[in-house]
């Protein structure tokens, strides 16, 4: 990982080198990639990846299941958001007031 120092593009916070876990989605599958070198904002949490790291994650995503050699699998629950919260249309309808005359 490149040890350059820079400030966060979004909030201006300090960015430090860390190892993180990354969940990626591609072609109807999710893969958790652990121990990924990243630059992480200490203020807002925004992550930046060196080009070689981003390319390596893309190659992992494109690999077949047998090529991956996953060390373990995890079960992830799938929950549909409208089941838990009102839809944007319902929320919008609830907060709109009639215009004042």
C-alpha atoms as a PDB file:
ATOM      1  CA  UNK A   1       0.000   0.000   0.000  1.00  0.00           C
ATOM      2  CA  UNK A   2       1.282   3.401  -0.926  1.00  0.00           C
ATOM      3  CA  UNK A   3       2.100   5.324   2.262  1.00  0.00           C
ATOM      4  CA  UNK A   4       1.147   8.746   0.876  1.00  0.00           C
ATOM      5  CA  UNK A   5      -0.639  11.159   3.212  1.00  0.00           C
ATOM      6  CA  UNK A   6      -3.700  13.030   2.022  1.00  0.00           C
ATOM      7  CA  UNK A   7      -6.966  14.467   3.290  1.00  0.00           C
ATOM      8  CA  UNK A   8     -10.413  13.028   2.609  1.00  0.00           C
ATOM      9  CA  UNK A   9     -11.991  14.328  -0.576  1.00  0.00           C
ATOM     10  CA  UNK A  10     -15.460  14.365   1.064  1.00  0.00           C
ATOM     11  CA  UNK A  11     -14.962  15.812   4.537  1.00  0.00           C
ATOM     12  CA  UNK A  12     -11.339  16.956   4.716  1.00  0.00           C
ATOM     13  CA  UNK A  13     -10.505  14.509   7.532  1.00  0.00           C
ATOM     14  CA  UNK A  14      -7.167  12.745   7.883  1.00  0.00           C
ATOM     15  CA  UNK A  15      -6.746   9.515   5.924  1.00  0.00           C
ATOM     16  CA  UNK A  16      -4.712   6.655   7.426  1.00  0.00           C
ATOM     17  CA  UNK A  17      -3.502   3.300   6.097  1.00  0.00           C
ATOM     18  CA  UNK A  18      -5.517   0.367   7.469  1.00  0.00           C
ATOM     19  CA  UNK A  19      -6.573  -3.190   6.650  1.00  0.00           C
ATOM     20  CA  UNK A  20     -10.337  -3.532   6.090  1.00  0.00           C
ATOM     21  CA  UNK A  21     -12.949  -6.089   5.066  1.00  0.00           C
ATOM     22  CA  UNK A  22     -14.751  -5.350   1.799  1.00  0.00           C
ATOM     23  CA  UNK A  23     -18.125  -6.753   0.687  1.00  0.00           C
ATOM     24  CA  UNK A  24     -18.436  -6.709  -3.122  1.00  0.00           C
ATOM     25  CA  UNK A  25     -21.451  -7.509  -5.308  1.00  0.00           C
ATOM     26  CA  UNK A  26     -21.126  -8.655  -8.924  1.00  0.00           C
ATOM     27  CA  UNK A  27     -23.407 -10.765 -11.126  1.00  0.00           C
ATOM     28  CA  UNK A  28     -25.840 -11.831  -8.399  1.00  0.00           C
ATOM     29  CA  UNK A  29     -23.187 -12.876  -5.897  1.00  0.00           C
ATOM     30  CA  UNK A  30     -21.540 -11.287  -2.917  1.00  0.00           C
ATOM     31  CA  UNK A  31     -17.984 -11.903  -1.825  1.00  0.00           C
ATOM     32  CA  UNK A  32     -16.382 -10.779   1.417  1.00  0.00           C
ATOM     33  CA  UNK A  33     -12.706  -9.952   0.883  1.00  0.00           C
ATOM     34  CA  UNK A  34     -10.814  -9.758   4.163  1.00  0.00           C
ATOM     35  CA  UNK A  35      -7.622  -7.927   5.122  1.00  0.00           C
ATOM     36  CA  UNK A  36      -7.674  -5.484   2.193  1.00  0.00           C
ATOM     37  CA  UNK A  37      -5.127  -2.631   2.305  1.00  0.00           C
ATOM     38  CA  UNK A  38      -6.970   0.699   2.194  1.00  0.00           C
ATOM     39  CA  UNK A  39      -6.692   4.369   3.067  1.00  0.00           C
ATOM     40  CA  UNK A  40      -9.544   5.220   5.460  1.00  0.00           C
ATOM     41  CA  UNK A  41     -10.768   8.631   6.604  1.00  0.00           C
ATOM     42  CA  UNK A  42     -10.638   8.842  10.394  1.00  0.00           C
ATOM     43  CA  UNK A  43     -13.538  11.304  10.394  1.00  0.00           C
ATOM     44  CA  UNK A  44     -16.187   9.968   7.968  1.00  0.00           C
ATOM     45  CA  UNK A  45     -14.899   6.456   7.166  1.00  0.00           C
ATOM     46  CA  UNK A  46     -14.588   6.970   3.392  1.00  0.00           C
ATOM     47  CA  UNK A  47     -12.251   4.365   1.881  1.00  0.00           C
ATOM     48  CA  UNK A  48      -9.682   4.786  -0.870  1.00  0.00           C
ATOM     49  CA  UNK A  49      -7.849   1.916  -2.589  1.00  0.00           C
ATOM     50  CA  UNK A  50      -4.609   1.943  -4.544  1.00  0.00           C
ATOM     51  CA  UNK A  51      -5.123   0.992  -8.203  1.00  0.00           C
ATOM     52  CA  UNK A  52      -3.367  -2.356  -7.815  1.00  0.00           C
ATOM     53  CA  UNK A  53      -5.642  -3.246  -4.861  1.00  0.00           C
ATOM     54  CA  UNK A  54      -8.805  -2.217  -6.754  1.00  0.00           C
ATOM     55  CA  UNK A  55      -7.687  -4.339  -9.722  1.00  0.00           C
ATOM     56  CA  UNK A  56      -7.007  -7.320  -7.453  1.00  0.00           C
ATOM     57  CA  UNK A  57     -10.530  -7.044  -5.968  1.00  0.00           C
ATOM     58  CA  UNK A  58     -11.996  -6.920  -9.495  1.00  0.00           C
ATOM     59  CA  UNK A  59     -10.081 -10.082 -10.435  1.00  0.00           C
ATOM     60  CA  UNK A  60     -11.369 -11.835  -7.308  1.00  0.00           C
ATOM     61  CA  UNK A  61     -14.933 -10.905  -8.253  1.00  0.00           C
ATOM     62  CA  UNK A  62     -14.512 -12.267 -11.796  1.00  0.00           C
ATOM     63  CA  UNK A  63     -12.992 -15.571 -10.658  1.00  0.00           C
ATOM     64  CA  UNK A  64     -15.103 -18.726 -10.633  1.00  0.00           C
ATOM     65  CA  UNK A  65     -16.122 -20.299  -7.332  1.00  0.00           C
ATOM     66  CA  UNK A  66     -13.505 -23.061  -7.698  1.00  0.00           C
ATOM     67  CA  UNK A  67     -10.752 -20.560  -8.519  1.00  0.00           C
ATOM     68  CA  UNK A  68     -11.461 -18.490  -5.415  1.00  0.00           C
ATOM     69  CA  UNK A  69     -10.382 -21.064  -2.860  1.00  0.00           C
ATOM     70  CA  UNK A  70     -12.578 -19.491  -0.189  1.00  0.00           C
ATOM     71  CA  UNK A  71     -11.440 -20.310   3.331  1.00  0.00           C
ATOM     72  CA  UNK A  72     -15.035 -20.346   4.626  1.00  0.00           C
ATOM     73  CA  UNK A  73     -18.595 -19.365   3.715  1.00  0.00           C
ATOM     74  CA  UNK A  74     -21.056 -17.243   5.635  1.00  0.00           C
ATOM     75  CA  UNK A  75     -24.855 -17.083   5.535  1.00  0.00           C
ATOM     76  CA  UNK A  76     -26.306 -13.627   4.867  1.00  0.00           C
ATOM     77  CA  UNK A  77     -29.979 -12.865   5.545  1.00  0.00           C
ATOM     78  CA  UNK A  78     -31.840 -11.106   2.723  1.00  0.00           C
ATOM     79  CA  UNK A  79     -34.408  -8.563   3.902  1.00  0.00           C
ATOM     80  CA  UNK A  80     -36.568  -6.359   1.706  1.00  0.00           C
ATOM     81  CA  UNK A  81     -36.505  -2.759   2.941  1.00  0.00           C
ATOM     82  CA  UNK A  82     -40.227  -1.965   2.413  1.00  0.00           C
ATOM     83  CA  UNK A  83     -41.031  -4.741   4.877  1.00  0.00           C
ATOM     84  CA  UNK A  84     -39.301  -2.733   7.603  1.00  0.00           C
ATOM     85  CA  UNK A  85     -39.881   0.908   6.586  1.00  0.00           C
ATOM     86  CA  UNK A  86     -42.490   2.777   4.570  1.00  0.00           C
ATOM     87  CA  UNK A  87     -41.787   3.379   0.901  1.00  0.00           C
ATOM     88  CA  UNK A  88     -40.534   6.829  -0.191  1.00  0.00           C
ATOM     89  CA  UNK A  89     -44.000   7.554  -1.612  1.00  0.00           C
ATOM     90  CA  UNK A  90     -45.603   6.801   1.756  1.00  0.00           C
ATOM     91  CA  UNK A  91     -43.079   8.925   3.630  1.00  0.00           C
ATOM     92  CA  UNK A  92     -43.457  11.794   1.159  1.00  0.00           C
ATOM     93  CA  UNK A  93     -47.241  11.652   1.423  1.00  0.00           C
ATOM     94  CA  UNK A  94     -47.043  11.748   5.206  1.00  0.00           C
ATOM     95  CA  UNK A  95     -44.831  14.820   5.393  1.00  0.00           C
ATOM     96  CA  UNK A  96     -46.387  16.992   2.668  1.00  0.00           C
ATOM     97  CA  UNK A  97     -48.563  19.773   3.992  1.00  0.00           C
ATOM     98  CA  UNK A  98     -51.213  21.520   1.992  1.00  0.00           C
ATOM     99  CA  UNK A  99     -49.970  24.880   0.684  1.00  0.00           C
ATOM    100  CA  UNK A 100     -50.968  27.881   2.757  1.00  0.00           C
ATOM    101  CA  UNK A 101     -53.427  30.337   1.157  1.00  0.00           C
END
